[in-house]
Amino acid sequence: MTSTVSAESLCDENAEKSFGYLELFSVGDIVEPYSHYDSEKDRQVIGSPEKGMENTKWKIVEISDIEIQIELIEGEFTPWYDDGVTHKAGEYRTYYETTKEHLRLNPTADKSKPENISVFKCAK
């Protein structure tokens, strides 16, 4: 995987108000979850992280055209899908597919709202 650093990051200016899909940030940026997908309403809920990701901060480690690797650097992450396993800061990394890759893998997805791509914001 090749790391890329964009010339500008969402965290460069107005960091407290900046949020978006992970590929809009830069390697090294510190972010926190800012949305979750509500399957009953079929929409992203902005301002409310996915259950288990509350009070966590993540560092963007790598960005490619396909995925973004992030490392848990603060808090504890207890994924809803992992039978109660809790991951601690400094011990866990995960990948998110880019919006472009999500749409490639799901060609029937609504291109105006890639529904299961998480939104993050710059950490304070």
PDB file of N, CA and C in Angstrom:
ATOM      1  N   MET A   1       0.837  -1.170   0.000  1.00  0.00           N
ATOM      2  CA  MET A   1       0.000   0.000   0.000  1.00  0.00           C
ATOM      3  C   MET A   1       0.886   1.238   0.000  1.00  0.00           C
ATOM      4  N   THR A   2       0.502   2.203  -0.772  1.00  0.00           N
ATOM      5  CA  THR A   2       1.277   3.430  -0.860  1.00  0.00           C
ATOM      6  C   THR A   2       0.611   4.531  -0.060  1.00  0.00           C
ATOM      7  N   SER A   3       1.369   5.154   0.807  1.00  0.00           N
ATOM      8  CA  SER A   3       0.846   6.292   1.565  1.00  0.00           C
ATOM      9  C   SER A   3       0.894   7.530   0.708  1.00  0.00           C
ATOM     10  N   THR A   4      -0.150   8.302   0.806  1.00  0.00           N
ATOM     11  CA  THR A   4      -0.172   9.585   0.115  1.00  0.00           C
ATOM     12  C   THR A   4      -0.581  10.640   1.113  1.00  0.00           C
ATOM     13  N   VAL A   5      -0.062  11.807   0.947  1.00  0.00           N
ATOM     14  CA  VAL A   5      -0.426  12.921   1.811  1.00  0.00           C
ATOM     15  C   VAL A   5      -0.948  14.017   0.907  1.00  0.00           C
ATOM     16  N   SER A   6      -2.195  14.414   1.140  1.00  0.00           N
ATOM     17  CA  SER A   6      -2.753  15.465   0.308  1.00  0.00           C
ATOM     18  C   SER A   6      -2.098  16.793   0.659  1.00  0.00           C
ATOM     19  N   ALA A   7      -2.117  17.704  -0.301  1.00  0.00           N
ATOM     20  CA  ALA A   7      -1.515  19.012  -0.076  1.00  0.00           C
ATOM     21  C   ALA A   7      -2.235  19.734   1.056  1.00  0.00           C
ATOM     22  N   GLU A   8      -3.545  19.538   1.144  1.00  0.00           N
ATOM     23  CA  GLU A   8      -4.321  20.149   2.206  1.00  0.00           C
ATOM     24  C   GLU A   8      -5.110  19.067   2.915  1.00  0.00           C
ATOM     25  N   SER A   9      -5.254  19.236   4.189  1.00  0.00           N
ATOM     26  CA  SER A   9      -6.054  18.327   4.983  1.00  0.00           C
ATOM     27  C   SER A   9      -7.245  19.088   5.520  1.00  0.00           C
ATOM     28  N   LEU A  10      -8.315  18.383   5.797  1.00  0.00           N
ATOM     29  CA  LEU A  10      -9.451  19.029   6.446  1.00  0.00           C
ATOM     30  C   LEU A  10      -9.060  19.629   7.781  1.00  0.00           C
ATOM     31  N   CYS A  11      -8.004  19.097   8.397  1.00  0.00           N
ATOM     32  CA  CYS A  11      -7.611  19.575   9.722  1.00  0.00           C
ATOM     33  C   CYS A  11      -6.734  20.825   9.660  1.00  0.00           C
ATOM     34  N   ASP A  12      -6.325  21.264   8.469  1.00  0.00           N
ATOM     35  CA  ASP A  12      -5.442  22.415   8.349  1.00  0.00           C
ATOM     36  C   ASP A  12      -6.098  23.711   8.817  1.00  0.00           C
ATOM     37  N   GLU A  13      -7.365  23.906   8.452  1.00  0.00           N
ATOM     38  CA  GLU A  13      -8.077  25.117   8.826  1.00  0.00           C
ATOM     39  C   GLU A  13      -9.442  24.739   9.378  1.00  0.00           C
ATOM     40  N   ASN A  14      -9.923  25.509  10.329  1.00  0.00           N
ATOM     41  CA  ASN A  14     -11.244  25.265  10.907  1.00  0.00           C
ATOM     42  C   ASN A  14     -11.407  23.817  11.363  1.00  0.00           C
ATOM     43  N   ALA A  15     -10.393  23.292  12.007  1.00  0.00           N
ATOM     44  CA  ALA A  15     -10.367  21.879  12.370  1.00  0.00           C
ATOM     45  C   ALA A  15     -11.587  21.461  13.175  1.00  0.00           C
ATOM     46  N   GLU A  16     -12.055  22.315  14.040  1.00  0.00           N
ATOM     47  CA  GLU A  16     -13.176  21.930  14.893  1.00  0.00           C
ATOM     48  C   GLU A  16     -14.473  21.759  14.107  1.00  0.00           C
ATOM     49  N   LYS A  17     -14.557  22.377  12.941  1.00  0.00           N
ATOM     50  CA  LYS A  17     -15.775  22.292  12.143  1.00  0.00           C
ATOM     51  C   LYS A  17     -15.626  21.336  10.960  1.00  0.00           C
ATOM     52  N   SER A  18     -14.461  20.753  10.784  1.00  0.00           N
ATOM     53  CA  SER A  18     -14.208  19.936   9.602  1.00  0.00           C
ATOM     54  C   SER A  18     -14.563  18.484   9.851  1.00  0.00           C
ATOM     55  N   PHE A  19     -15.367  17.927   8.953  1.00  0.00           N
ATOM     56  CA  PHE A  19     -15.660  16.514   9.008  1.00  0.00           C
ATOM     57  C   PHE A  19     -15.896  16.002   7.596  1.00  0.00           C
ATOM     58  N   GLY A  20     -15.704  14.702   7.415  1.00  0.00           N
ATOM     59  CA  GLY A  20     -15.898  14.113   6.107  1.00  0.00           C
ATOM     60  C   GLY A  20     -15.405  12.684   6.088  1.00  0.00           C
ATOM     61  N   TYR A  21     -15.388  12.110   4.907  1.00  0.00           N
ATOM     62  CA  TYR A  21     -14.888  10.751   4.733  1.00  0.00           C
ATOM     63  C   TYR A  21     -13.381  10.748   4.955  1.00  0.00           C
ATOM     64  N   LEU A  22     -12.841   9.633   5.399  1.00  0.00           N
ATOM     65  CA  LEU A  22     -11.438   9.561   5.793  1.00  0.00           C
ATOM     66  C   LEU A  22     -10.462   9.983   4.698  1.00  0.00           C
ATOM     67  N   GLU A  23     -10.777   9.722   3.428  1.00  0.00           N
ATOM     68  CA  GLU A  23      -9.813  10.071   2.380  1.00  0.00           C
ATOM     69  C   GLU A  23      -9.648  11.579   2.212  1.00  0.00           C
ATOM     70  N   LEU A  24     -10.461  12.383   2.862  1.00  0.00           N
ATOM     71  CA  LEU A  24     -10.322  13.839   2.800  1.00  0.00           C
ATOM     72  C   LEU A  24      -9.289  14.377   3.779  1.00  0.00           C
ATOM     73  N   PHE A  25      -8.819  13.509   4.679  1.00  0.00           N
ATOM     74  CA  PHE A  25      -7.810  13.894   5.651  1.00  0.00           C
ATOM     75  C   PHE A  25      -6.430  13.528   5.120  1.00  0.00           C
ATOM     76  N   SER A  26      -5.391  13.757   5.910  1.00  0.00           N
ATOM     77  CA  SER A  26      -4.017  13.435   5.514  1.00  0.00           C
ATOM     78  C   SER A  26      -3.408  12.442   6.491  1.00  0.00           C
ATOM     79  N   VAL A  27      -2.394  11.721   6.013  1.00  0.00           N
ATOM     80  CA  VAL A  27      -1.633  10.832   6.890  1.00  0.00           C
ATOM     81  C   VAL A  27      -1.103  11.658   8.057  1.00  0.00           C
ATOM     82  N   GLY A  28      -1.279  11.139   9.265  1.00  0.00           N
ATOM     83  CA  GLY A  28      -0.824  11.836  10.460  1.00  0.00           C
ATOM     84  C   GLY A  28      -1.917  12.612  11.173  1.00  0.00           C
ATOM     85  N   ASP A  29      -3.018  12.904  10.485  1.00  0.00           N
ATOM     86  CA  ASP A  29      -4.118  13.616  11.125  1.00  0.00           C
ATOM     87  C   ASP A  29      -4.724  12.760  12.233  1.00  0.00           C
ATOM     88  N   ILE A  30      -5.182  13.425  13.285  1.00  0.00           N
ATOM     89  CA  ILE A  30      -5.868  12.767  14.388  1.00  0.00           C
ATOM     90  C   ILE A  30      -7.357  13.067  14.227  1.00  0.00           C
ATOM     91  N   VAL A  31      -8.165  12.009  14.175  1.00  0.00           N
ATOM     92  CA  VAL A  31      -9.595  12.164  13.920  1.00  0.00           C
ATOM     93  C   VAL A  31     -10.404  11.392  14.955  1.00  0.00           C
ATOM     94  N   GLU A  32     -11.681  11.730  15.020  1.00  0.00           N
ATOM     95  CA  GLU A  32     -12.591  10.980  15.875  1.00  0.00           C
ATOM     96  C   GLU A  32     -13.869  10.689  15.089  1.00  0.00           C
ATOM     97  N   PRO A  33     -14.521   9.572  15.400  1.00  0.00           N
ATOM     98  CA  PRO A  33     -15.736   9.201  14.678  1.00  0.00           C
ATOM     99  C   PRO A  33     -16.824  10.262  14.854  1.00  0.00           C
ATOM    100  N   TYR A  34     -17.590  10.484  13.789  1.00  0.00           N
ATOM    101  CA  TYR A  34     -18.584  11.543  13.812  1.00  0.00           C
ATOM    102  C   TYR A  34     -19.917  11.120  13.202  1.00  0.00           C
ATOM    103  N   SER A  35     -20.086   9.815  12.942  1.00  0.00           N
ATOM    104  CA  SER A  35     -21.361   9.362  12.391  1.00  0.00           C
ATOM    105  C   SER A  35     -21.537   7.873  12.634  1.00  0.00           C
ATOM    106  N   HIS A  36     -22.758   7.422  12.441  1.00  0.00           N
ATOM    107  CA  HIS A  36     -23.040   5.993  12.370  1.00  0.00           C
ATOM    108  C   HIS A  36     -24.182   5.793  11.388  1.00  0.00           C
ATOM    109  N   TYR A  37     -24.260   4.579  10.869  1.00  0.00           N
ATOM    110  CA  TYR A  37     -25.304   4.253   9.907  1.00  0.00           C
ATOM    111  C   TYR A  37     -26.518   3.692  10.641  1.00  0.00           C
ATOM    112  N   ASP A  38     -27.672   4.304  10.449  1.00  0.00           N
ATOM    113  CA  ASP A  38     -28.931   3.849  11.025  1.00  0.00           C
ATOM    114  C   ASP A  38     -29.632   3.014   9.966  1.00  0.00           C
ATOM    115  N   SER A  39     -29.579   1.693  10.126  1.00  0.00           N
ATOM    116  CA  SER A  39     -30.146   0.801   9.106  1.00  0.00           C
ATOM    117  C   SER A  39     -31.669   0.892   9.045  1.00  0.00           C
ATOM    118  N   GLU A  40     -32.313   1.220  10.157  1.00  0.00           N
ATOM    119  CA  GLU A  40     -33.772   1.352  10.146  1.00  0.00           C
ATOM    120  C   GLU A  40     -34.223   2.547   9.312  1.00  0.00           C
ATOM    121  N   LYS A  41     -33.446   3.630   9.367  1.00  0.00           N
ATOM    122  CA  LYS A  41     -33.801   4.834   8.605  1.00  0.00           C
ATOM    123  C   LYS A  41     -33.012   4.955   7.308  1.00  0.00           C
ATOM    124  N   ASP A  42     -32.070   4.013   7.081  1.00  0.00           N
ATOM    125  CA  ASP A  42     -31.244   3.985   5.869  1.00  0.00           C
ATOM    126  C   ASP A  42     -30.531   5.318   5.639  1.00  0.00           C
ATOM    127  N   ARG A  43     -29.825   5.778   6.685  1.00  0.00           N
ATOM    128  CA  ARG A  43     -29.082   7.032   6.540  1.00  0.00           C
ATOM    129  C   ARG A  43     -27.963   7.114   7.572  1.00  0.00           C
ATOM    130  N   GLN A  44     -26.992   7.977   7.283  1.00  0.00           N
ATOM    131  CA  GLN A  44     -25.940   8.300   8.233  1.00  0.00           C
ATOM    132  C   GLN A  44     -26.500   9.274   9.259  1.00  0.00           C
ATOM    133  N   VAL A  45     -26.143   9.088  10.509  1.00  0.00           N
ATOM    134  CA  VAL A  45     -26.524  10.015  11.569  1.00  0.00           C
ATOM    135  C   VAL A  45     -25.267  10.793  11.936  1.00  0.00           C
ATOM    136  N   ILE A  46     -25.190  12.039  11.507  1.00  0.00           N
ATOM    137  CA  ILE A  46     -24.024  12.882  11.739  1.00  0.00           C
ATOM    138  C   ILE A  46     -24.043  13.381  13.190  1.00  0.00           C
ATOM    139  N   GLY A  47     -22.873  13.372  13.809  1.00  0.00           N
ATOM    140  CA  GLY A  47     -22.742  13.857  15.178  1.00  0.00           C
ATOM    141  C   GLY A  47     -22.887  12.766  16.224  1.00  0.00           C
ATOM    142  N   SER A  48     -23.071  11.527  15.785  1.00  0.00           N
ATOM    143  CA  SER A  48     -23.264  10.414  16.709  1.00  0.00           C
ATOM    144  C   SER A  48     -22.428   9.221  16.229  1.00  0.00           C
ATOM    145  N   PRO A  49     -21.297   8.935  16.908  1.00  0.00           N
ATOM    146  CA  PRO A  49     -20.430   7.845  16.447  1.00  0.00           C
ATOM    147  C   PRO A  49     -21.092   6.473  16.566  1.00  0.00           C
ATOM    148  N   GLU A  50     -20.555   5.541  15.818  1.00  0.00           N
ATOM    149  CA  GLU A  50     -21.003   4.151  15.875  1.00  0.00           C
ATOM    150  C   GLU A  50     -20.846   3.625  17.305  1.00  0.00           C
ATOM    151  N   LYS A  51     -21.787   2.809  17.735  1.00  0.00           N
ATOM    152  CA  LYS A  51     -21.712   2.226  19.075  1.00  0.00           C
ATOM    153  C   LYS A  51     -20.383   1.494  19.237  1.00  0.00           C
ATOM    154  N   GLY A  52     -19.708   1.752  20.349  1.00  0.00           N
ATOM    155  CA  GLY A  52     -18.413   1.142  20.626  1.00  0.00           C
ATOM    156  C   GLY A  52     -17.235   2.031  20.260  1.00  0.00           C
ATOM    157  N   MET A  53     -17.499   3.087  19.458  1.00  0.00           N
ATOM    158  CA  MET A  53     -16.426   3.994  19.041  1.00  0.00           C
ATOM    159  C   MET A  53     -16.477   5.331  19.783  1.00  0.00           C
ATOM    160  N   GLU A  54     -17.437   5.475  20.678  1.00  0.00           N
ATOM    161  CA  GLU A  54     -17.565   6.723  21.414  1.00  0.00           C
ATOM    162  C   GLU A  54     -16.273   7.017  22.181  1.00  0.00           C
ATOM    163  N   ASN A  55     -15.927   8.279  22.257  1.00  0.00           N
ATOM    164  CA  ASN A  55     -14.762   8.740  23.036  1.00  0.00           C
ATOM    165  C   ASN A  55     -13.446   8.114  22.591  1.00  0.00           C
ATOM    166  N   THR A  56     -13.314   7.859  21.292  1.00  0.00           N
ATOM    167  CA  THR A  56     -12.050   7.348  20.761  1.00  0.00           C
ATOM    168  C   THR A  56     -11.440   8.368  19.811  1.00  0.00           C
ATOM    169  N   LYS A  57     -10.113   8.298  19.678  1.00  0.00           N
ATOM    170  CA  LYS A  57      -9.385   9.109  18.702  1.00  0.00           C
ATOM    171  C   LYS A  57      -8.489   8.167  17.910  1.00  0.00           C
ATOM    172  N   TRP A  58      -8.320   8.499  16.643  1.00  0.00           N
ATOM    173  CA  TRP A  58      -7.609   7.637  15.706  1.00  0.00           C
ATOM    174  C   TRP A  58      -6.603   8.458  14.913  1.00  0.00           C
ATOM    175  N   LYS A  59      -5.472   7.860  14.589  1.00  0.00           N
ATOM    176  CA  LYS A  59      -4.460   8.499  13.745  1.00  0.00           C
ATOM    177  C   LYS A  59      -4.522   7.849  12.371  1.00  0.00           C
ATOM    178  N   ILE A  60      -4.537   8.680  11.339  1.00  0.00           N
ATOM    179  CA  ILE A  60      -4.512   8.149   9.982  1.00  0.00           C
ATOM    180  C   ILE A  60      -3.083   7.737   9.668  1.00  0.00           C
ATOM    181  N   VAL A  61      -2.907   6.451   9.385  1.00  0.00           N
ATOM    182  CA  VAL A  61      -1.585   5.870   9.199  1.00  0.00           C
ATOM    183  C   VAL A  61      -1.217   5.774   7.718  1.00  0.00           C
ATOM    184  N   GLU A  62      -2.150   5.326   6.894  1.00  0.00           N
ATOM    185  CA  GLU A  62      -1.900   5.184   5.458  1.00  0.00           C
ATOM    186  C   GLU A  62      -3.167   5.486   4.681  1.00  0.00           C
ATOM    187  N   ILE A  63      -2.983   6.009   3.477  1.00  0.00           N
ATOM    188  CA  ILE A  63      -4.097   6.276   2.577  1.00  0.00           C
ATOM    189  C   ILE A  63      -3.705   5.767   1.192  1.00  0.00           C
ATOM    190  N   SER A  64      -4.587   4.997   0.581  1.00  0.00           N
ATOM    191  CA  SER A  64      -4.385   4.569  -0.802  1.00  0.00           C
ATOM    192  C   SER A  64      -5.687   4.832  -1.559  1.00  0.00           C
ATOM    193  N   ASP A  65      -5.720   4.474  -2.824  1.00  0.00           N
ATOM    194  CA  ASP A  65      -6.948   4.638  -3.599  1.00  0.00           C
ATOM    195  C   ASP A  65      -8.046   3.701  -3.118  1.00  0.00           C
ATOM    196  N   ILE A  66      -7.662   2.641  -2.417  1.00  0.00           N
ATOM    197  CA  ILE A  66      -8.607   1.604  -2.025  1.00  0.00           C
ATOM    198  C   ILE A  66      -9.033   1.708  -0.568  1.00  0.00           C
ATOM    199  N   GLU A  67      -8.079   2.014   0.314  1.00  0.00           N
ATOM    200  CA  GLU A  67      -8.408   1.988   1.738  1.00  0.00           C
ATOM    201  C   GLU A  67      -7.578   2.976   2.541  1.00  0.00           C
ATOM    202  N   ILE A  68      -8.061   3.211   3.755  1.00  0.00           N
ATOM    203  CA  ILE A  68      -7.393   4.084   4.701  1.00  0.00           C
ATOM    204  C   ILE A  68      -7.141   3.273   5.966  1.00  0.00           C
ATOM    205  N   GLN A  69      -5.893   3.261   6.435  1.00  0.00           N
ATOM    206  CA  GLN A  69      -5.576   2.545   7.668  1.00  0.00           C
ATOM    207  C   GLN A  69      -5.533   3.559   8.801  1.00  0.00           C
ATOM    208  N   ILE A  70      -6.238   3.221   9.904  1.00  0.00           N
ATOM    209  CA  ILE A  70      -6.232   4.086  11.076  1.00  0.00           C
ATOM    210  C   ILE A  70      -5.833   3.277  12.302  1.00  0.00           C
ATOM    211  N   GLU A  71      -5.196   3.979  13.257  1.00  0.00           N
ATOM    212  CA  GLU A  71      -4.741   3.353  14.498  1.00  0.00           C
ATOM    213  C   GLU A  71      -5.429   4.020  15.680  1.00  0.00           C
ATOM    214  N   LEU A  72      -5.952   3.205  16.584  1.00  0.00           N
ATOM    215  CA  LEU A  72      -6.578   3.709  17.796  1.00  0.00           C
ATOM    216  C   LEU A  72      -5.501   4.284  18.704  1.00  0.00           C
ATOM    217  N   ILE A  73      -5.611   5.578  19.031  1.00  0.00           N
ATOM    218  CA  ILE A  73      -4.583   6.204  19.866  1.00  0.00           C
ATOM    219  C   ILE A  73      -5.118   6.718  21.195  1.00  0.00           C
ATOM    220  N   GLU A  74      -6.447   6.748  21.339  1.00  0.00           N
ATOM    221  CA  GLU A  74      -7.030   7.194  22.607  1.00  0.00           C
ATOM    222  C   GLU A  74      -8.385   6.525  22.793  1.00  0.00           C
ATOM    223  N   GLY A  75      -8.638   6.085  24.016  1.00  0.00           N
ATOM    224  CA  GLY A  75      -9.917   5.458  24.338  1.00  0.00           C
ATOM    225  C   GLY A  75      -9.871   3.957  24.115  1.00  0.00           C
ATOM    226  N   GLU A  76     -11.028   3.348  24.212  1.00  0.00           N
ATOM    227  CA  GLU A  76     -11.173   1.913  23.978  1.00  0.00           C
ATOM    228  C   GLU A  76     -12.260   1.696  22.942  1.00  0.00           C
ATOM    229  N   PHE A  77     -12.029   0.747  22.046  1.00  0.00           N
ATOM    230  CA  PHE A  77     -12.950   0.448  20.956  1.00  0.00           C
ATOM    231  C   PHE A  77     -13.521  -0.947  21.178  1.00  0.00           C
ATOM    232  N   THR A  78     -14.837  -1.019  21.339  1.00  0.00           N
ATOM    233  CA  THR A  78     -15.536  -2.291  21.503  1.00  0.00           C
ATOM    234  C   THR A  78     -16.505  -2.437  20.337  1.00  0.00           C
ATOM    235  N   PRO A  79     -16.049  -3.068  19.252  1.00  0.00           N
ATOM    236  CA  PRO A  79     -16.907  -3.171  18.067  1.00  0.00           C
ATOM    237  C   PRO A  79     -18.155  -4.005  18.340  1.00  0.00           C
ATOM    238  N   TRP A  80     -19.266  -3.582  17.785  1.00  0.00           N
ATOM    239  CA  TRP A  80     -20.532  -4.298  17.949  1.00  0.00           C
ATOM    240  C   TRP A  80     -20.455  -5.697  17.340  1.00  0.00           C
ATOM    241  N   TYR A  81     -19.578  -5.889  16.377  1.00  0.00           N
ATOM    242  CA  TYR A  81     -19.505  -7.154  15.637  1.00  0.00           C
ATOM    243  C   TYR A  81     -18.476  -8.131  16.204  1.00  0.00           C
ATOM    244  N   ASP A  82     -17.824  -7.813  17.308  1.00  0.00           N
ATOM    245  CA  ASP A  82     -16.685  -8.616  17.770  1.00  0.00           C
ATOM    246  C   ASP A  82     -16.919  -9.264  19.139  1.00  0.00           C
ATOM    247  N   ASP A  83     -18.161  -9.642  19.444  1.00  0.00           N
ATOM    248  CA  ASP A  83     -18.508 -10.393  20.660  1.00  0.00           C
ATOM    249  C   ASP A  83     -17.927  -9.806  21.943  1.00  0.00           C
ATOM    250  N   GLY A  84     -17.992  -8.496  22.101  1.00  0.00           N
ATOM    251  CA  GLY A  84     -17.572  -7.861  23.342  1.00  0.00           C
ATOM    252  C   GLY A  84     -16.084  -7.657  23.515  1.00  0.00           C
ATOM    253  N   VAL A  85     -15.277  -7.974  22.506  1.00  0.00           N
ATOM    254  CA  VAL A  85     -13.832  -7.748  22.592  1.00  0.00           C
ATOM    255  C   VAL A  85     -13.576  -6.239  22.630  1.00  0.00           C
ATOM    256  N   THR A  86     -12.709  -5.815  23.540  1.00  0.00           N
ATOM    257  CA  THR A  86     -12.354  -4.398  23.651  1.00  0.00           C
ATOM    258  C   THR A  86     -10.902  -4.203  23.253  1.00  0.00           C
ATOM    259  N   HIS A  87     -10.681  -3.270  22.333  1.00  0.00           N
ATOM    260  CA  HIS A  87      -9.334  -2.946  21.875  1.00  0.00           C
ATOM    261  C   HIS A  87      -8.878  -1.668  22.568  1.00  0.00           C
ATOM    262  N   LYS A  88      -7.634  -1.661  23.005  1.00  0.00           N
ATOM    263  CA  LYS A  88      -7.078  -0.510  23.725  1.00  0.00           C
ATOM    264  C   LYS A  88      -6.188   0.329  22.806  1.00  0.00           C
ATOM    265  N   ALA A  89      -6.039   1.593  23.162  1.00  0.00           N
ATOM    266  CA  ALA A  89      -5.197   2.519  22.398  1.00  0.00           C
ATOM    267  C   ALA A  89      -3.788   1.960  22.270  1.00  0.00           C
ATOM    268  N   GLY A  90      -3.217   2.106  21.074  1.00  0.00           N
ATOM    269  CA  GLY A  90      -1.865   1.637  20.807  1.00  0.00           C
ATOM    270  C   GLY A  90      -1.781   0.168  20.453  1.00  0.00           C
ATOM    271  N   GLU A  91      -2.909  -0.539  20.498  1.00  0.00           N
ATOM    272  CA  GLU A  91      -2.907  -1.977  20.241  1.00  0.00           C
ATOM    273  C   GLU A  91      -3.788  -2.393  19.075  1.00  0.00           C
ATOM    274  N   TYR A  92      -4.381  -1.436  18.363  1.00  0.00           N
ATOM    275  CA  TYR A  92      -5.364  -1.821  17.351  1.00  0.00           C
ATOM    276  C   TYR A  92      -5.304  -0.891  16.144  1.00  0.00           C
ATOM    277  N   ARG A  93      -5.303  -1.517  14.968  1.00  0.00           N
ATOM    278  CA  ARG A  93      -5.419  -0.802  13.691  1.00  0.00           C
ATOM    279  C   ARG A  93      -6.533  -1.442  12.880  1.00  0.00           C
ATOM    280  N   THR A  94      -7.166  -0.631  12.053  1.00  0.00           N
ATOM    281  CA  THR A  94      -8.204  -1.157  11.175  1.00  0.00           C
ATOM    282  C   THR A  94      -8.167  -0.399   9.851  1.00  0.00           C
ATOM    283  N   TYR A  95      -8.904  -0.901   8.887  1.00  0.00           N
ATOM    284  CA  TYR A  95      -8.975  -0.303   7.563  1.00  0.00           C
ATOM    285  C   TYR A  95     -10.402   0.101   7.241  1.00  0.00           C
ATOM    286  N   TYR A  96     -10.540   1.197   6.529  1.00  0.00           N
ATOM    287  CA  TYR A  96     -11.815   1.607   5.950  1.00  0.00           C
ATOM    288  C   TYR A  96     -11.607   1.714   4.453  1.00  0.00           C
ATOM    289  N   GLU A  97     -12.584   1.247   3.678  1.00  0.00           N
ATOM    290  CA  GLU A  97     -12.464   1.436   2.235  1.00  0.00           C
ATOM    291  C   GLU A  97     -12.800   2.881   1.902  1.00  0.00           C
ATOM    292  N   THR A  98     -12.191   3.375   0.839  1.00  0.00           N
ATOM    293  CA  THR A  98     -12.481   4.736   0.398  1.00  0.00           C
ATOM    294  C   THR A  98     -13.885   4.775  -0.209  1.00  0.00           C
ATOM    295  N   THR A  99     -14.434   5.967  -0.320  1.00  0.00           N
ATOM    296  CA  THR A  99     -15.742   6.126  -0.946  1.00  0.00           C
ATOM    297  C   THR A  99     -15.698   5.592  -2.374  1.00  0.00           C
ATOM    298  N   LYS A 100     -14.630   5.908  -3.085  1.00  0.00           N
ATOM    299  CA  LYS A 100     -14.462   5.445  -4.470  1.00  0.00           C
ATOM    300  C   LYS A 100     -14.477   3.921  -4.536  1.00  0.00           C
ATOM    301  N   GLU A 101     -13.769   3.259  -3.633  1.00  0.00           N
ATOM    302  CA  GLU A 101     -13.727   1.801  -3.611  1.00  0.00           C
ATOM    303  C   GLU A 101     -15.085   1.223  -3.212  1.00  0.00           C
ATOM    304  N   HIS A 102     -15.742   1.848  -2.261  1.00  0.00           N
ATOM    305  CA  HIS A 102     -17.077   1.395  -1.850  1.00  0.00           C
ATOM    306  C   HIS A 102     -18.029   1.411  -3.046  1.00  0.00           C
ATOM    307  N   LEU A 103     -18.007   2.492  -3.791  1.00  0.00           N
ATOM    308  CA  LEU A 103     -18.894   2.605  -4.949  1.00  0.00           C
ATOM    309  C   LEU A 103     -18.501   1.625  -6.053  1.00  0.00           C
ATOM    310  N   ARG A 104     -17.212   1.332  -6.188  1.00  0.00           N
ATOM    311  CA  ARG A 104     -16.770   0.340  -7.179  1.00  0.00           C
ATOM    312  C   ARG A 104     -17.283  -1.050  -6.805  1.00  0.00           C
ATOM    313  N   LEU A 105     -17.207  -1.379  -5.513  1.00  0.00           N
ATOM    314  CA  LEU A 105     -17.638  -2.698  -5.049  1.00  0.00           C
ATOM    315  C   LEU A 105     -19.158  -2.827  -4.970  1.00  0.00           C
ATOM    316  N   ASN A 106     -19.841  -1.702  -4.892  1.00  0.00           N
ATOM    317  CA  ASN A 106     -21.302  -1.677  -4.774  1.00  0.00           C
ATOM    318  C   ASN A 106     -21.879  -0.777  -5.864  1.00  0.00           C
ATOM    319  N   PRO A 107     -21.852  -1.235  -7.118  1.00  0.00           N
ATOM    320  CA  PRO A 107     -22.237  -0.365  -8.233  1.00  0.00           C
ATOM    321  C   PRO A 107     -23.683   0.125  -8.193  1.00  0.00           C
ATOM    322  N   THR A 108     -24.544  -0.537  -7.428  1.00  0.00           N
ATOM    323  CA  THR A 108     -25.932  -0.079  -7.344  1.00  0.00           C
ATOM    324  C   THR A 108     -26.148   0.911  -6.205  1.00  0.00           C
ATOM    325  N   ALA A 109     -25.103   1.211  -5.428  1.00  0.00           N
ATOM    326  CA  ALA A 109     -25.232   2.153  -4.313  1.00  0.00           C
ATOM    327  C   ALA A 109     -25.566   3.546  -4.837  1.00  0.00           C
ATOM    328  N   ASP A 110     -26.305   4.274  -4.044  1.00  0.00           N
ATOM    329  CA  ASP A 110     -26.642   5.655  -4.376  1.00  0.00           C
ATOM    330  C   ASP A 110     -25.365   6.488  -4.309  1.00  0.00           C
ATOM    331  N   LYS A 111     -24.896   6.953  -5.462  1.00  0.00           N
ATOM    332  CA  LYS A 111     -23.624   7.667  -5.520  1.00  0.00           C
ATOM    333  C   LYS A 111     -23.666   9.015  -4.796  1.00  0.00           C
ATOM    334  N   SER A 112     -24.844   9.531  -4.530  1.00  0.00           N
ATOM    335  CA  SER A 112     -24.939  10.805  -3.822  1.00  0.00           C
ATOM    336  C   SER A 112     -24.818  10.628  -2.311  1.00  0.00           C
ATOM    337  N   LYS A 113     -24.939   9.386  -1.828  1.00  0.00           N
ATOM    338  CA  LYS A 113     -24.819   9.145  -0.380  1.00  0.00           C
ATOM    339  C   LYS A 113     -24.312   7.731  -0.125  1.00  0.00           C
ATOM    340  N   PRO A 114     -23.010   7.521  -0.203  1.00  0.00           N
ATOM    341  CA  PRO A 114     -22.485   6.187   0.091  1.00  0.00           C
ATOM    342  C   PRO A 114     -22.801   5.832   1.542  1.00  0.00           C
ATOM    343  N   GLU A 115     -23.877   5.094   1.708  1.00  0.00           N
ATOM    344  CA  GLU A 115     -24.531   4.967   3.002  1.00  0.00           C
ATOM    345  C   GLU A 115     -23.741   4.332   4.125  1.00  0.00           C
ATOM    346  N   ASN A 116     -22.793   3.480   3.848  1.00  0.00           N
ATOM    347  CA  ASN A 116     -22.117   2.860   4.988  1.00  0.00           C
ATOM    348  C   ASN A 116     -20.658   3.288   5.121  1.00  0.00           C
ATOM    349  N   ILE A 117     -20.319   4.432   4.562  1.00  0.00           N
ATOM    350  CA  ILE A 117     -18.983   4.989   4.749  1.00  0.00           C
ATOM    351  C   ILE A 117     -19.047   5.928   5.950  1.00  0.00           C
ATOM    352  N   SER A 118     -18.239   5.637   6.944  1.00  0.00           N
ATOM    353  CA  SER A 118     -18.260   6.433   8.174  1.00  0.00           C
ATOM    354  C   SER A 118     -17.679   7.823   7.950  1.00  0.00           C
ATOM    355  N   VAL A 119     -18.203   8.764   8.701  1.00  0.00           N
ATOM    356  CA  VAL A 119     -17.728  10.135   8.662  1.00  0.00           C
ATOM    357  C   VAL A 119     -16.921  10.387   9.945  1.00  0.00           C
ATOM    358  N   PHE A 120     -15.790  11.077   9.778  1.00  0.00           N
ATOM    359  CA  PHE A 120     -14.916  11.416  10.914  1.00  0.00           C
ATOM    360  C   PHE A 120     -14.749  12.930  10.955  1.00  0.00           C
ATOM    361  N   LYS A 121     -14.270  13.434  12.092  1.00  0.00           N
ATOM    362  CA  LYS A 121     -13.949  14.860  12.201  1.00  0.00           C
ATOM    363  C   LYS A 121     -12.571  15.002  12.828  1.00  0.00           C
ATOM    364  N   CYS A 122     -11.989  16.176  12.667  1.00  0.00           N
ATOM    365  CA  CYS A 122     -10.693  16.450  13.274  1.00  0.00           C
ATOM    366  C   CYS A 122     -10.832  16.418  14.785  1.00  0.00           C
ATOM    367  N   ALA A 123      -9.911  15.776  15.457  1.00  0.00           N
ATOM    368  CA  ALA A 123      -9.944  15.690  16.908  1.00  0.00           C
ATOM    369  C   ALA A 123      -9.460  16.997  17.522  1.00  0.00           C
ATOM    370  N   LYS A 124      -9.985  17.319  18.654  1.00  0.00           N
ATOM    371  CA  LYS A 124      -9.592  18.549  19.353  1.00  0.00           C
ATOM    372  C   LYS A 124      -8.312  18.313  20.121  1.00  0.00           C
TER     373      LYS A 124
END
